[in-house]
Structures are given as structure tokens and as C-alpha cells.
C-alpha atoms as a PDB file:
ATOM      1  CA  UNK A   1     -15.025  15.608   8.275  1.00  0.00           C
ATOM      2  CA  UNK A   2     -16.185  15.611   4.744  1.00  0.00           C
ATOM      3  CA  UNK A   3     -16.061  11.830   4.298  1.00  0.00           C
ATOM      4  CA  UNK A   4     -18.201  11.577   7.224  1.00  0.00           C
ATOM      5  CA  UNK A   5     -20.861  13.858   6.243  1.00  0.00           C
ATOM      6  CA  UNK A   6     -20.928  12.256   2.807  1.00  0.00           C
ATOM      7  CA  UNK A   7     -20.987   8.766   4.363  1.00  0.00           C
ATOM      8  CA  UNK A   8     -23.518  10.059   6.760  1.00  0.00           C
ATOM      9  CA  UNK A   9     -25.164  11.282   3.782  1.00  0.00           C
ATOM     10  CA  UNK A  10     -25.249   8.477   1.913  1.00  0.00           C
ATOM     11  CA  UNK A  11     -26.584   6.099   5.178  1.00  0.00           C
ATOM     12  CA  UNK A  12     -22.930   4.571   5.254  1.00  0.00           C
ATOM     13  CA  UNK A  13     -22.171   3.784   8.779  1.00  0.00           C
ATOM     14  CA  UNK A  14     -18.518   3.599  10.358  1.00  0.00           C
ATOM     15  CA  UNK A  15     -17.610   1.353  12.885  1.00  0.00           C
ATOM     16  CA  UNK A  16     -14.606   2.930  15.643  1.00  0.00           C
ATOM     17  CA  UNK A  17     -11.777   0.271  15.102  1.00  0.00           C
ATOM     18  CA  UNK A  18     -11.188  -1.726  18.091  1.00  0.00           C
ATOM     19  CA  UNK A  19      -7.757  -2.215  19.555  1.00  0.00           C
ATOM     20  CA  UNK A  20      -6.818  -5.415  18.036  1.00  0.00           C
ATOM     21  CA  UNK A  21      -8.008  -3.821  14.360  1.00  0.00           C
ATOM     22  CA  UNK A  22      -5.579  -0.980  14.723  1.00  0.00           C
ATOM     23  CA  UNK A  23      -2.731  -3.177  16.300  1.00  0.00           C
ATOM     24  CA  UNK A  24      -3.491  -5.687  12.872  1.00  0.00           C
ATOM     25  CA  UNK A  25      -3.877  -2.259  10.599  1.00  0.00           C
ATOM     26  CA  UNK A  26      -0.319  -1.060  12.106  1.00  0.00           C
ATOM     27  CA  UNK A  27       1.384  -4.561  11.501  1.00  0.00           C
ATOM     28  CA  UNK A  28       0.138  -5.245   7.831  1.00  0.00           C
ATOM     29  CA  UNK A  29       1.455  -1.564   7.470  1.00  0.00           C
ATOM     30  CA  UNK A  30       4.972  -2.323   9.113  1.00  0.00           C
ATOM     31  CA  UNK A  31       5.254  -5.283   6.539  1.00  0.00           C
ATOM     32  CA  UNK A  32       4.411  -3.878   3.168  1.00  0.00           C
ATOM     33  CA  UNK A  33       6.458  -0.621   4.352  1.00  0.00           C
ATOM     34  CA  UNK A  34       9.525  -3.007   4.869  1.00  0.00           C
ATOM     35  CA  UNK A  35       8.506  -4.508   1.587  1.00  0.00           C
ATOM     36  CA  UNK A  36       8.452  -1.571  -0.471  1.00  0.00           C
ATOM     37  CA  UNK A  37      11.542  -0.759   1.160  1.00  0.00           C
ATOM     38  CA  UNK A  38      12.921  -3.583  -0.503  1.00  0.00           C
ATOM     39  CA  UNK A  39      11.542  -3.115  -4.148  1.00  0.00           C
ATOM     40  CA  UNK A  40      12.720   0.249  -3.673  1.00  0.00           C
ATOM     41  CA  UNK A  41      16.152  -0.785  -2.743  1.00  0.00           C
ATOM     42  CA  UNK A  42      16.839  -3.257  -5.360  1.00  0.00           C
ATOM     43  CA  UNK A  43      15.265  -1.269  -7.666  1.00  0.00           C
ATOM     44  CA  UNK A  44      17.703   1.927  -7.017  1.00  0.00           C
ATOM     45  CA  UNK A  45      20.332  -1.035  -6.995  1.00  0.00           C
ATOM     46  CA  UNK A  46      19.295  -2.157 -10.525  1.00  0.00           C
ATOM     47  CA  UNK A  47      18.930   1.501 -11.862  1.00  0.00           C
ATOM     48  CA  UNK A  48      23.094   2.405 -10.989  1.00  0.00           C
ATOM     49  CA  UNK A  49      24.509   0.162 -13.508  1.00  0.00           C
ATOM     50  CA  UNK A  50      21.923   0.555 -16.167  1.00  0.00           C
ATOM     51  CA  UNK A  51      22.890   2.637 -18.939  1.00  0.00           C
ATOM     52  CA  UNK A  52      20.222   1.412 -21.851  1.00  0.00           C
ATOM     53  CA  UNK A  53      17.355   4.355 -21.730  1.00  0.00           C
ATOM     54  CA  UNK A  54      15.089   1.200 -23.432  1.00  0.00           C
ATOM     55  CA  UNK A  55      16.106  -0.915 -20.738  1.00  0.00           C
ATOM     56  CA  UNK A  56      16.001   2.027 -17.729  1.00  0.00           C
ATOM     57  CA  UNK A  57      12.314   2.647 -19.018  1.00  0.00           C
ATOM     58  CA  UNK A  58      11.594  -1.409 -18.957  1.00  0.00           C
ATOM     59  CA  UNK A  59      13.067  -1.406 -15.194  1.00  0.00           C
ATOM     60  CA  UNK A  60      11.211   1.927 -13.999  1.00  0.00           C
ATOM     61  CA  UNK A  61       7.827   0.577 -15.215  1.00  0.00           C
ATOM     62  CA  UNK A  62       8.630  -2.885 -13.569  1.00  0.00           C
ATOM     63  CA  UNK A  63       9.317  -1.020 -10.191  1.00  0.00           C
ATOM     64  CA  UNK A  64       6.416   0.760 -10.769  1.00  0.00           C
ATOM     65  CA  UNK A  65       4.256  -2.131 -11.292  1.00  0.00           C
ATOM     66  CA  UNK A  66       5.782  -3.790  -8.381  1.00  0.00           C
ATOM     67  CA  UNK A  67       5.290  -1.287  -6.065  1.00  0.00           C
ATOM     68  CA  UNK A  68       1.347  -0.508  -7.259  1.00  0.00           C
ATOM     69  CA  UNK A  69       0.975  -4.018  -7.134  1.00  0.00           C
ATOM     70  CA  UNK A  70       1.852  -3.836  -2.950  1.00  0.00           C
ATOM     71  CA  UNK A  71       0.412  -1.234  -2.125  1.00  0.00           C
ATOM     72  CA  UNK A  72      -3.081  -2.493  -3.421  1.00  0.00           C
ATOM     73  CA  UNK A  73      -2.269  -5.927  -1.631  1.00  0.00           C
ATOM     74  CA  UNK A  74      -1.378  -3.890   1.612  1.00  0.00           C
ATOM     75  CA  UNK A  75      -4.590  -1.756   0.951  1.00  0.00           C
ATOM     76  CA  UNK A  76      -6.945  -4.991   0.624  1.00  0.00           C
ATOM     77  CA  UNK A  77      -5.719  -6.249   3.540  1.00  0.00           C
ATOM     78  CA  UNK A  78      -5.997  -3.164   5.635  1.00  0.00           C
ATOM     79  CA  UNK A  79      -9.400  -2.818   4.974  1.00  0.00           C
ATOM     80  CA  UNK A  80     -10.146  -6.717   5.863  1.00  0.00           C
ATOM     81  CA  UNK A  81      -8.781  -5.962   9.104  1.00  0.00           C
ATOM     82  CA  UNK A  82     -10.966  -2.637   9.293  1.00  0.00           C
ATOM     83  CA  UNK A  83     -14.124  -5.059   9.128  1.00  0.00           C
ATOM     84  CA  UNK A  84     -15.975  -5.736  11.590  1.00  0.00           C
ATOM     85  CA  UNK A  85     -15.763  -9.576  13.060  1.00  0.00           C
END
């Protein structure tokens, strides 16, 4: 509600999302949910045998960066799917 009011005040007109766009958005979300889950599983497996605190921190940072990259990529593709055609 607040976003809609702020958009209206700013002169931003939002278009309703078509069924085709909804399907494309759902597909992107499903693909990236699977990619993120895969990265998380690999990360957890890597962390199990890792005892060195510095190596654990480096692996954790790498995981956060990869997850962030995938989330940004997903969000960008969702915005592309929402764009009017």
C-alpha cells in the first residue's frame, strides 16, 4: 500500500503483470532457488571438514559473495520479465 502511494506520488505507473510474465518470474525464481540451494549444500559440506578459522572465514566470505551474486542475478532477471513488452 505504501509503495503504491509513493509510486503514485512520484508519477510511476505500474502495469499489471500478465500471466506470461508471472510464469516467467516463477521459472526464474525456481531456477535460482535451485542454484542457491546447490551452493548452500556445497558450502555446508566444505565447512564440515574445515578446522582452520582463517580458511573457514574465507570460505564463508566466498559463499556470501556467490549467494549475493546469484540473488542479484535473479532479481535482475525478474525485473526483465516484469518489463512491458
